[in-house]
């Protein structure tokens, strides 16, 4: 697992450098998204403790279906 994360990290840094040279990087948006991800992960972890596993799985499956449908119709 650590090797996978290291590989992803290296590829991400490489992509960041390449896109930065093309002036395609919005650092402010990236920081805001990162902050939202950290806060959301903390809140989600706390909420998941109070939700039964079966219900959590159903909610997660529904979320995946909604995202998939949005992706399908966004390309049309």
Protein backbone atom coordinates (compact mmCIF):
# COMPACT_ATOMS: atom_id res chain seq x y z
CA UNK A 1 0.00 0.00 0.00
CA UNK A 2 2.82 2.42 0.83
CA UNK A 3 4.41 1.77 -2.56
CA UNK A 4 1.16 2.67 -4.31
CA UNK A 5 0.89 5.93 -2.40
CA UNK A 6 4.50 6.79 -3.17
CA UNK A 7 3.91 6.10 -6.87
CA UNK A 8 0.78 8.26 -6.91
CA UNK A 9 2.65 11.03 -5.07
CA UNK A 10 5.53 11.02 -7.57
CA UNK A 11 3.18 11.03 -10.57
CA UNK A 12 1.14 13.84 -9.01
CA UNK A 13 4.20 15.99 -8.39
CA UNK A 14 5.36 15.39 -11.96
CA UNK A 15 1.96 16.42 -13.31
CA UNK A 16 1.91 19.50 -11.06
CA UNK A 17 5.31 20.62 -12.34
CA UNK A 18 4.30 20.07 -15.98
CA UNK A 19 0.99 21.93 -15.62
CA UNK A 20 2.63 24.70 -13.62
CA UNK A 21 4.98 25.35 -16.57
CA UNK A 22 1.89 25.77 -18.74
CA UNK A 23 0.28 28.08 -16.13
CA UNK A 24 -2.62 25.64 -15.73
CA UNK A 25 -2.50 25.40 -11.93
CA UNK A 26 -4.95 27.22 -9.69
CA UNK A 27 -3.25 26.96 -6.29
CA UNK A 28 -6.02 28.79 -4.45
CA UNK A 29 -8.65 26.36 -5.69
CA UNK A 30 -6.38 23.43 -4.91
CA UNK A 31 -5.84 24.60 -1.35
CA UNK A 32 -9.56 25.20 -0.84
CA UNK A 33 -10.39 21.73 -2.18
CA UNK A 34 -7.71 20.17 -0.01
CA UNK A 35 -9.03 21.95 3.06
CA UNK A 36 -12.58 20.83 2.25
CA UNK A 37 -11.36 17.27 1.79
CA UNK A 38 -9.63 17.27 5.19
CA UNK A 39 -12.67 18.73 6.97
CA UNK A 40 -15.04 16.37 5.15
CA UNK A 41 -12.92 13.36 6.04
CA UNK A 42 -12.93 14.31 9.73
CA UNK A 43 -16.69 14.88 9.77
CA UNK A 44 -17.38 11.73 7.75
CA UNK A 45 -15.27 9.63 10.09
CA UNK A 46 -17.23 10.88 13.10
CA UNK A 47 -20.61 10.37 11.41
CA UNK A 48 -19.72 6.88 10.19
CA UNK A 49 -19.35 5.75 13.80
CA UNK A 50 -23.09 6.32 14.34
CA UNK A 51 -24.41 4.86 11.09
CA UNK A 52 -24.97 1.08 10.83
CA UNK A 53 -22.74 -0.62 8.23
CA UNK A 54 -25.68 -1.82 6.10
CA UNK A 55 -27.15 1.69 5.91
CA UNK A 56 -23.74 3.18 5.15
CA UNK A 57 -23.28 0.72 2.26
CA UNK A 58 -26.68 1.64 0.82
CA UNK A 59 -25.99 5.37 1.07
CA UNK A 60 -22.57 4.92 -0.53
CA UNK A 61 -24.04 2.81 -3.37
CA UNK A 62 -26.70 5.47 -3.99
CA UNK A 63 -24.03 8.17 -4.07
CA UNK A 64 -22.03 6.19 -6.64
CA UNK A 65 -25.11 5.79 -8.84
CA UNK A 66 -25.90 9.52 -8.63
CA UNK A 67 -22.32 10.43 -9.57
CA UNK A 68 -22.33 7.94 -12.46
CA UNK A 69 -25.62 9.30 -13.83
CA UNK A 70 -24.33 12.88 -13.60
CA UNK A 71 -21.15 11.89 -15.42
CA UNK A 72 -23.11 10.17 -18.18
CA UNK A 73 -25.40 13.14 -18.77
CA UNK A 74 -22.62 15.71 -18.44
CA UNK A 75 -20.96 14.29 -21.59
CA UNK A 76 -24.12 14.63 -23.68
